[in-house]
PDB file of N, CA and C in Angstrom:
ATOM      1  N   MET A   1     106.201  50.572 -31.439  1.00  0.00           N
ATOM      2  CA  MET A   1     105.055  51.382 -31.085  1.00  0.00           C
ATOM      3  C   MET A   1     104.379  50.772 -29.854  1.00  0.00           C
ATOM      4  N   CYS A   2     104.030  51.602 -28.891  1.00  0.00           N
ATOM      5  CA  CYS A   2     103.391  51.152 -27.654  1.00  0.00           C
ATOM      6  C   CYS A   2     101.876  51.241 -27.789  1.00  0.00           C
ATOM      7  N   ASN A   3     101.189  50.333 -27.116  1.00  0.00           N
ATOM      8  CA  ASN A   3      99.741  50.468 -27.055  1.00  0.00           C
ATOM      9  C   ASN A   3      99.356  51.063 -25.702  1.00  0.00           C
ATOM     10  N   ILE A   4      98.119  51.472 -25.566  1.00  0.00           N
ATOM     11  CA  ILE A   4      97.676  52.200 -24.384  1.00  0.00           C
ATOM     12  C   ILE A   4      97.804  51.358 -23.110  1.00  0.00           C
ATOM     13  N   GLU A   5      97.594  50.045 -23.214  1.00  0.00           N
ATOM     14  CA  GLU A   5      97.719  49.186 -22.035  1.00  0.00           C
ATOM     15  C   GLU A   5      99.148  49.210 -21.489  1.00  0.00           C
ATOM     16  N   ASP A   6     100.132  49.139 -22.385  1.00  0.00           N
ATOM     17  CA  ASP A   6     101.533  49.179 -21.963  1.00  0.00           C
ATOM     18  C   ASP A   6     101.877  50.502 -21.286  1.00  0.00           C
ATOM     19  N   ILE A   7     101.378  51.586 -21.848  1.00  0.00           N
ATOM     20  CA  ILE A   7     101.651  52.907 -21.275  1.00  0.00           C
ATOM     21  C   ILE A   7     101.024  53.025 -19.888  1.00  0.00           C
ATOM     22  N   LEU A   8      99.773  52.589 -19.737  1.00  0.00           N
ATOM     23  CA  LEU A   8      99.101  52.680 -18.442  1.00  0.00           C
ATOM     24  C   LEU A   8      99.747  51.780 -17.401  1.00  0.00           C
ATOM     25  N   LEU A   9     100.187  50.603 -17.789  1.00  0.00           N
ATOM     26  CA  LEU A   9     100.876  49.727 -16.843  1.00  0.00           C
ATOM     27  C   LEU A   9     102.194  50.337 -16.384  1.00  0.00           C
ATOM     28  N   GLU A  10     102.909  50.989 -17.276  1.00  0.00           N
ATOM     29  CA  GLU A  10     104.154  51.653 -16.893  1.00  0.00           C
ATOM     30  C   GLU A  10     103.871  52.844 -15.980  1.00  0.00           C
ATOM     31  N   MET A  11     102.807  53.581 -16.254  1.00  0.00           N
ATOM     32  CA  MET A  11     102.421  54.684 -15.382  1.00  0.00           C
ATOM     33  C   MET A  11     102.044  54.163 -13.996  1.00  0.00           C
ATOM     34  N   ASP A  12     101.359  53.039 -13.944  1.00  0.00           N
ATOM     35  CA  ASP A  12     100.987  52.441 -12.666  1.00  0.00           C
ATOM     36  C   ASP A  12     102.221  52.014 -11.884  1.00  0.00           C
ATOM     37  N   ARG A  13     103.214  51.527 -12.584  1.00  0.00           N
ATOM     38  CA  ARG A  13     104.452  51.093 -11.932  1.00  0.00           C
ATOM     39  C   ARG A  13     105.228  52.283 -11.363  1.00  0.00           C
ATOM     40  N   ILE A  14     105.268  53.383 -12.090  1.00  0.00           N
ATOM     41  CA  ILE A  14     106.070  54.537 -11.707  1.00  0.00           C
ATOM     42  C   ILE A  14     105.365  55.434 -10.686  1.00  0.00           C
ATOM     43  N   LEU A  15     104.071  55.619 -10.861  1.00  0.00           N
ATOM     44  CA  LEU A  15     103.328  56.576 -10.046  1.00  0.00           C
ATOM     45  C   LEU A  15     103.141  56.069  -8.623  1.00  0.00           C
ATOM     46  N   ARG A  16     103.341  56.943  -7.655  1.00  0.00           N
ATOM     47  CA  ARG A  16     103.128  56.602  -6.255  1.00  0.00           C
ATOM     48  C   ARG A  16     101.632  56.604  -5.950  1.00  0.00           C
ATOM     49  N   PRO A  17     101.226  55.897  -4.879  1.00  0.00           N
ATOM     50  CA  PRO A  17      99.819  55.962  -4.468  1.00  0.00           C
ATOM     51  C   PRO A  17      99.403  57.412  -4.221  1.00  0.00           C
ATOM     52  N   GLU A  18      98.190  57.734  -4.587  1.00  0.00           N
ATOM     53  CA  GLU A  18      97.608  59.073  -4.520  1.00  0.00           C
ATOM     54  C   GLU A  18      98.163  60.002  -5.596  1.00  0.00           C
ATOM     55  N   GLY A  19      99.006  59.479  -6.488  1.00  0.00           N
ATOM     56  CA  GLY A  19      99.489  60.265  -7.615  1.00  0.00           C
ATOM     57  C   GLY A  19      98.384  60.429  -8.645  1.00  0.00           C
ATOM     58  N   THR A  20      98.407  61.536  -9.374  1.00  0.00           N
ATOM     59  CA  THR A  20      97.335  61.864 -10.315  1.00  0.00           C
ATOM     60  C   THR A  20      97.870  61.993 -11.731  1.00  0.00           C
ATOM     61  N   VAL A  21      97.071  61.507 -12.671  1.00  0.00           N
ATOM     62  CA  VAL A  21      97.353  61.652 -14.095  1.00  0.00           C
ATOM     63  C   VAL A  21      96.188  62.430 -14.694  1.00  0.00           C
ATOM     64  N   ILE A  22      96.495  63.411 -15.534  1.00  0.00           N
ATOM     65  CA  ILE A  22      95.469  64.199 -16.211  1.00  0.00           C
ATOM     66  C   ILE A  22      95.630  63.972 -17.707  1.00  0.00           C
ATOM     67  N   ILE A  23      94.554  63.481 -18.339  1.00  0.00           N
ATOM     68  CA  ILE A  23      94.603  63.157 -19.763  1.00  0.00           C
ATOM     69  C   ILE A  23      93.499  63.929 -20.471  1.00  0.00           C
ATOM     70  N   ARG A  24      93.868  64.592 -21.561  1.00  0.00           N
ATOM     71  CA  ARG A  24      92.901  65.334 -22.377  1.00  0.00           C
ATOM     72  C   ARG A  24      92.873  64.700 -23.758  1.00  0.00           C
ATOM     73  N   ASP A  25      91.677  64.233 -24.159  1.00  0.00           N
ATOM     74  CA  ASP A  25      91.568  63.564 -25.460  1.00  0.00           C
ATOM     75  C   ASP A  25      90.098  63.468 -25.842  1.00  0.00           C
ATOM     76  N   GLN A  26      89.856  62.779 -26.957  1.00  0.00           N
ATOM     77  CA  GLN A  26      88.499  62.527 -27.420  1.00  0.00           C
ATOM     78  C   GLN A  26      87.771  61.616 -26.428  1.00  0.00           C
ATOM     79  N   VAL A  27      86.459  61.735 -26.358  1.00  0.00           N
ATOM     80  CA  VAL A  27      85.665  60.987 -25.391  1.00  0.00           C
ATOM     81  C   VAL A  27      85.835  59.476 -25.561  1.00  0.00           C
ATOM     82  N   ASN A  28      85.875  58.986 -26.797  1.00  0.00           N
ATOM     83  CA  ASN A  28      86.007  57.542 -27.006  1.00  0.00           C
ATOM     84  C   ASN A  28      87.336  57.010 -26.481  1.00  0.00           C
ATOM     85  N   VAL A  29      88.402  57.778 -26.608  1.00  0.00           N
ATOM     86  CA  VAL A  29      89.707  57.368 -26.075  1.00  0.00           C
ATOM     87  C   VAL A  29      89.667  57.382 -24.549  1.00  0.00           C
ATOM     88  N   LEU A  30      89.111  58.443 -23.983  1.00  0.00           N
ATOM     89  CA  LEU A  30      89.047  58.548 -22.521  1.00  0.00           C
ATOM     90  C   LEU A  30      88.160  57.481 -21.907  1.00  0.00           C
ATOM     91  N   THR A  31      87.118  57.073 -22.602  1.00  0.00           N
ATOM     92  CA  THR A  31      86.264  55.997 -22.112  1.00  0.00           C
ATOM     93  C   THR A  31      87.046  54.694 -22.023  1.00  0.00           C
ATOM     94  N   MET A  32      87.865  54.411 -23.020  1.00  0.00           N
ATOM     95  CA  MET A  32      88.694  53.213 -23.004  1.00  0.00           C
ATOM     96  C   MET A  32      89.730  53.296 -21.878  1.00  0.00           C
ATOM     97  N   VAL A  33      90.394  54.436 -21.740  1.00  0.00           N
ATOM     98  CA  VAL A  33      91.382  54.622 -20.678  1.00  0.00           C
ATOM     99  C   VAL A  33      90.712  54.494 -19.315  1.00  0.00           C
ATOM    100  N   ASN A  34      89.543  55.085 -19.155  1.00  0.00           N
ATOM    101  CA  ASN A  34      88.805  55.016 -17.902  1.00  0.00           C
ATOM    102  C   ASN A  34      88.530  53.565 -17.505  1.00  0.00           C
ATOM    103  N   ARG A  35      88.095  52.761 -18.456  1.00  0.00           N
ATOM    104  CA  ARG A  35      87.810  51.346 -18.191  1.00  0.00           C
ATOM    105  C   ARG A  35      89.077  50.608 -17.738  1.00  0.00           C
ATOM    106  N   LEU A  36      90.187  50.893 -18.389  1.00  0.00           N
ATOM    107  CA  LEU A  36      91.442  50.217 -18.053  1.00  0.00           C
ATOM    108  C   LEU A  36      91.966  50.613 -16.672  1.00  0.00           C
ATOM    109  N   VAL A  37      91.989  51.918 -16.379  1.00  0.00           N
ATOM    110  CA  VAL A  37      92.554  52.348 -15.096  1.00  0.00           C
ATOM    111  C   VAL A  37      91.640  51.997 -13.927  1.00  0.00           C
ATOM    112  N   ARG A  38      90.336  51.946 -14.138  1.00  0.00           N
ATOM    113  CA  ARG A  38      89.448  51.493 -13.060  1.00  0.00           C
ATOM    114  C   ARG A  38      89.689  50.017 -12.768  1.00  0.00           C
ATOM    115  N   GLY A  39      90.071  49.254 -13.774  1.00  0.00           N
ATOM    116  CA  GLY A  39      90.457  47.862 -13.563  1.00  0.00           C
ATOM    117  C   GLY A  39      91.753  47.736 -12.775  1.00  0.00           C
ATOM    118  N   MET A  40      92.562  48.785 -12.790  1.00  0.00           N
ATOM    119  CA  MET A  40      93.798  48.806 -12.009  1.00  0.00           C
ATOM    120  C   MET A  40      93.566  49.451 -10.638  1.00  0.00           C
ATOM    121  N   ARG A  41      92.303  49.658 -10.292  1.00  0.00           N
ATOM    122  CA  ARG A  41      91.870  50.210  -9.001  1.00  0.00           C
ATOM    123  C   ARG A  41      92.241  51.673  -8.822  1.00  0.00           C
ATOM    124  N   TRP A  42      92.190  52.435  -9.896  1.00  0.00           N
ATOM    125  CA  TRP A  42      92.379  53.871  -9.816  1.00  0.00           C
ATOM    126  C   TRP A  42      91.001  54.517  -9.729  1.00  0.00           C
ATOM    127  N   SER A  43      90.924  55.669  -9.072  1.00  0.00           N
ATOM    128  CA  SER A  43      89.698  56.465  -9.060  1.00  0.00           C
ATOM    129  C   SER A  43      89.761  57.421 -10.240  1.00  0.00           C
ATOM    130  N   THR A  44      88.611  57.647 -10.892  1.00  0.00           N
ATOM    131  CA  THR A  44      88.610  58.509 -12.073  1.00  0.00           C
ATOM    132  C   THR A  44      87.456  59.495 -12.029  1.00  0.00           C
ATOM    133  N   ARG A  45      87.640  60.559 -12.785  1.00  0.00           N
ATOM    134  CA  ARG A  45      86.578  61.544 -12.965  1.00  0.00           C
ATOM    135  C   ARG A  45      86.790  62.206 -14.322  1.00  0.00           C
ATOM    136  N   MET A  46      85.741  62.208 -15.153  1.00  0.00           N
ATOM    137  CA  MET A  46      85.818  62.842 -16.460  1.00  0.00           C
ATOM    138  C   MET A  46      85.037  64.162 -16.405  1.00  0.00           C
ATOM    139  N   VAL A  47      85.656  65.230 -16.890  1.00  0.00           N
ATOM    140  CA  VAL A  47      85.026  66.556 -16.845  1.00  0.00           C
ATOM    141  C   VAL A  47      85.180  67.252 -18.193  1.00  0.00           C
ATOM    142  N   ASP A  48      84.345  68.276 -18.399  1.00  0.00           N
ATOM    143  CA  ASP A  48      84.459  69.125 -19.579  1.00  0.00           C
ATOM    144  C   ASP A  48      85.671  70.042 -19.414  1.00  0.00           C
ATOM    145  N   HIS A  49      86.228  70.474 -20.537  1.00  0.00           N
ATOM    146  CA  HIS A  49      87.306  71.459 -20.432  1.00  0.00           C
ATOM    147  C   HIS A  49      86.756  72.829 -20.816  1.00  0.00           C
ATOM    148  N   GLU A  50      87.615  73.794 -21.012  1.00  0.00           N
ATOM    149  CA  GLU A  50      87.202  75.188 -21.160  1.00  0.00           C
ATOM    150  C   GLU A  50      86.289  75.471 -22.351  1.00  0.00           C
ATOM    151  N   ASP A  51      86.217  74.569 -23.336  1.00  0.00           N
ATOM    152  CA  ASP A  51      85.349  74.807 -24.497  1.00  0.00           C
ATOM    153  C   ASP A  51      83.901  74.392 -24.248  1.00  0.00           C
ATOM    154  N   GLY A  52      83.592  73.853 -23.081  1.00  0.00           N
ATOM    155  CA  GLY A  52      82.214  73.535 -22.708  1.00  0.00           C
ATOM    156  C   GLY A  52      81.827  72.090 -22.968  1.00  0.00           C
ATOM    157  N   PRO A  53      80.599  71.740 -22.610  1.00  0.00           N
ATOM    158  CA  PRO A  53      80.139  70.345 -22.681  1.00  0.00           C
ATOM    159  C   PRO A  53      79.916  69.811 -24.095  1.00  0.00           C
ATOM    160  N   LEU A  54      79.804  70.678 -25.072  1.00  0.00           N
ATOM    161  CA  LEU A  54      79.570  70.215 -26.450  1.00  0.00           C
ATOM    162  C   LEU A  54      80.859  69.936 -27.215  1.00  0.00           C
ATOM    163  N   ALA A  55      81.994  70.234 -26.626  1.00  0.00           N
ATOM    164  CA  ALA A  55      83.279  69.977 -27.280  1.00  0.00           C
ATOM    165  C   ALA A  55      83.534  68.470 -27.328  1.00  0.00           C
ATOM    166  N   PRO A  56      84.163  67.978 -28.407  1.00  0.00           N
ATOM    167  CA  PRO A  56      84.413  66.536 -28.523  1.00  0.00           C
ATOM    168  C   PRO A  56      85.518  66.030 -27.594  1.00  0.00           C
ATOM    169  N   GLU A  57      86.283  66.930 -27.010  1.00  0.00           N
ATOM    170  CA  GLU A  57      87.340  66.534 -26.074  1.00  0.00           C
ATOM    171  C   GLU A  57      86.863  66.716 -24.642  1.00  0.00           C
ATOM    172  N   LYS A  58      87.369  65.864 -23.763  1.00  0.00           N
ATOM    173  CA  LYS A  58      87.104  65.955 -22.329  1.00  0.00           C
ATOM    174  C   LYS A  58      88.436  65.808 -21.603  1.00  0.00           C
ATOM    175  N   ILE A  59      88.392  65.942 -20.277  1.00  0.00           N
ATOM    176  CA  ILE A  59      89.576  65.754 -19.444  1.00  0.00           C
ATOM    177  C   ILE A  59      89.280  64.642 -18.457  1.00  0.00           C
ATOM    178  N   LEU A  60      90.212  63.707 -18.331  1.00  0.00           N
ATOM    179  CA  LEU A  60      90.081  62.599 -17.388  1.00  0.00           C
ATOM    180  C   LEU A  60      91.134  62.767 -16.304  1.00  0.00           C
ATOM    181  N   PHE A  61      90.671  62.813 -15.056  1.00  0.00           N
ATOM    182  CA  PHE A  61      91.561  62.807 -13.897  1.00  0.00           C
ATOM    183  C   PHE A  61      91.559  61.390 -13.354  1.00  0.00           C
ATOM    184  N   ALA A  62      92.730  60.797 -13.213  1.00  0.00           N
ATOM    185  CA  ALA A  62      92.859  59.437 -12.684  1.00  0.00           C
ATOM    186  C   ALA A  62      93.836  59.461 -11.522  1.00  0.00           C
ATOM    187  N   VAL A  63      93.409  58.937 -10.370  1.00  0.00           N
ATOM    188  CA  VAL A  63      94.228  58.942  -9.166  1.00  0.00           C
ATOM    189  C   VAL A  63      94.517  57.502  -8.768  1.00  0.00           C
ATOM    190  N   LYS A  64      95.800  57.180  -8.688  1.00  0.00           N
ATOM    191  CA  LYS A  64      96.198  55.842  -8.259  1.00  0.00           C
ATOM    192  C   LYS A  64      95.915  55.705  -6.763  1.00  0.00           C
ATOM    193  N   GLN A  65      95.208  54.657  -6.400  1.00  0.00           N
ATOM    194  CA  GLN A  65      94.835  54.429  -5.014  1.00  0.00           C
ATOM    195  C   GLN A  65      95.847  53.533  -4.313  1.00  0.00           C
ATOM    196  N   TYR A  66      95.927  53.700  -3.012  1.00  0.00           N
ATOM    197  CA  TYR A  66      96.761  52.820  -2.189  1.00  0.00           C
ATOM    198  C   TYR A  66      95.886  51.669  -1.737  1.00  0.00           C
ATOM    199  N   TRP A  67      96.314  50.453  -2.002  1.00  0.00           N
ATOM    200  CA  TRP A  67      95.547  49.299  -1.555  1.00  0.00           C
ATOM    201  C   TRP A  67      96.492  48.151  -1.260  1.00  0.00           C
ATOM    202  N   VAL A  68      96.048  47.285  -0.384  1.00  0.00           N
ATOM    203  CA  VAL A  68      96.796  46.080  -0.037  1.00  0.00           C
ATOM    204  C   VAL A  68      95.864  44.898  -0.155  1.00  0.00           C
ATOM    205  N   ALA A  69      96.431  43.736  -0.342  1.00  0.00           N
ATOM    206  CA  ALA A  69      95.632  42.516  -0.450  1.00  0.00           C
ATOM    207  C   ALA A  69      95.023  42.200   0.908  1.00  0.00           C
ATOM    208  N   GLY A  70      93.782  41.738   0.908  1.00  0.00           N
ATOM    209  CA  GLY A  70      93.090  41.385   2.133  1.00  0.00           C
ATOM    210  C   GLY A  70      93.394  39.960   2.560  1.00  0.00           C
ATOM    211  N   GLU A  71      92.782  39.572   3.669  1.00  0.00           N
ATOM    212  CA  GLU A  71      92.996  38.216   4.205  1.00  0.00           C
ATOM    213  C   GLU A  71      92.460  37.147   3.279  1.00  0.00           C
ATOM    214  N   ASN A  72      91.447  37.475   2.502  1.00  0.00           N
ATOM    215  CA  ASN A  72      90.814  36.481   1.625  1.00  0.00           C
ATOM    216  C   ASN A  72      91.675  36.150   0.404  1.00  0.00           C
ATOM    217  N   ASN A  73      92.648  36.989   0.097  1.00  0.00           N
ATOM    218  CA  ASN A  73      93.530  36.736  -1.038  1.00  0.00           C
ATOM    219  C   ASN A  73      94.647  35.818  -0.608  1.00  0.00           C
ATOM    220  N   THR A  74      94.855  34.759  -1.362  1.00  0.00           N
ATOM    221  CA  THR A  74      95.909  33.810  -1.036  1.00  0.00           C
ATOM    222  C   THR A  74      96.787  33.595  -2.245  1.00  0.00           C
ATOM    223  N   THR A  75      98.014  33.200  -1.988  1.00  0.00           N
ATOM    224  CA  THR A  75      98.919  32.832  -3.059  1.00  0.00           C
ATOM    225  C   THR A  75      99.417  31.426  -2.784  1.00  0.00           C
ATOM    226  N   SER A  76      99.662  30.694  -3.822  1.00  0.00           N
ATOM    227  CA  SER A  76     100.158  29.332  -3.635  1.00  0.00           C
ATOM    228  C   SER A  76     101.675  29.348  -3.633  1.00  0.00           C
ATOM    229  N   SER A  77     102.256  28.520  -2.810  1.00  0.00           N
ATOM    230  CA  SER A  77     103.713  28.466  -2.704  1.00  0.00           C
ATOM    231  C   SER A  77     104.257  27.293  -3.464  1.00  0.00           C
TER     232      SER A  77
END
């Protein structure tokens, strides 16, 4: 059985920069996913779906961003 972190890391590996993932689930699940993908430097937006703002489900749009390490980042050899 996979946990959500493993699934998101695999999605990050496969998805190209500017690629989008759309997830529909309960607000508590989407809040956890939102926290994880923002830590992976994705842009996110949570919106209501067709049942309106009082529905327990929402939709999360997550877009993988293109980024490169800056000059301040160093690696040891």
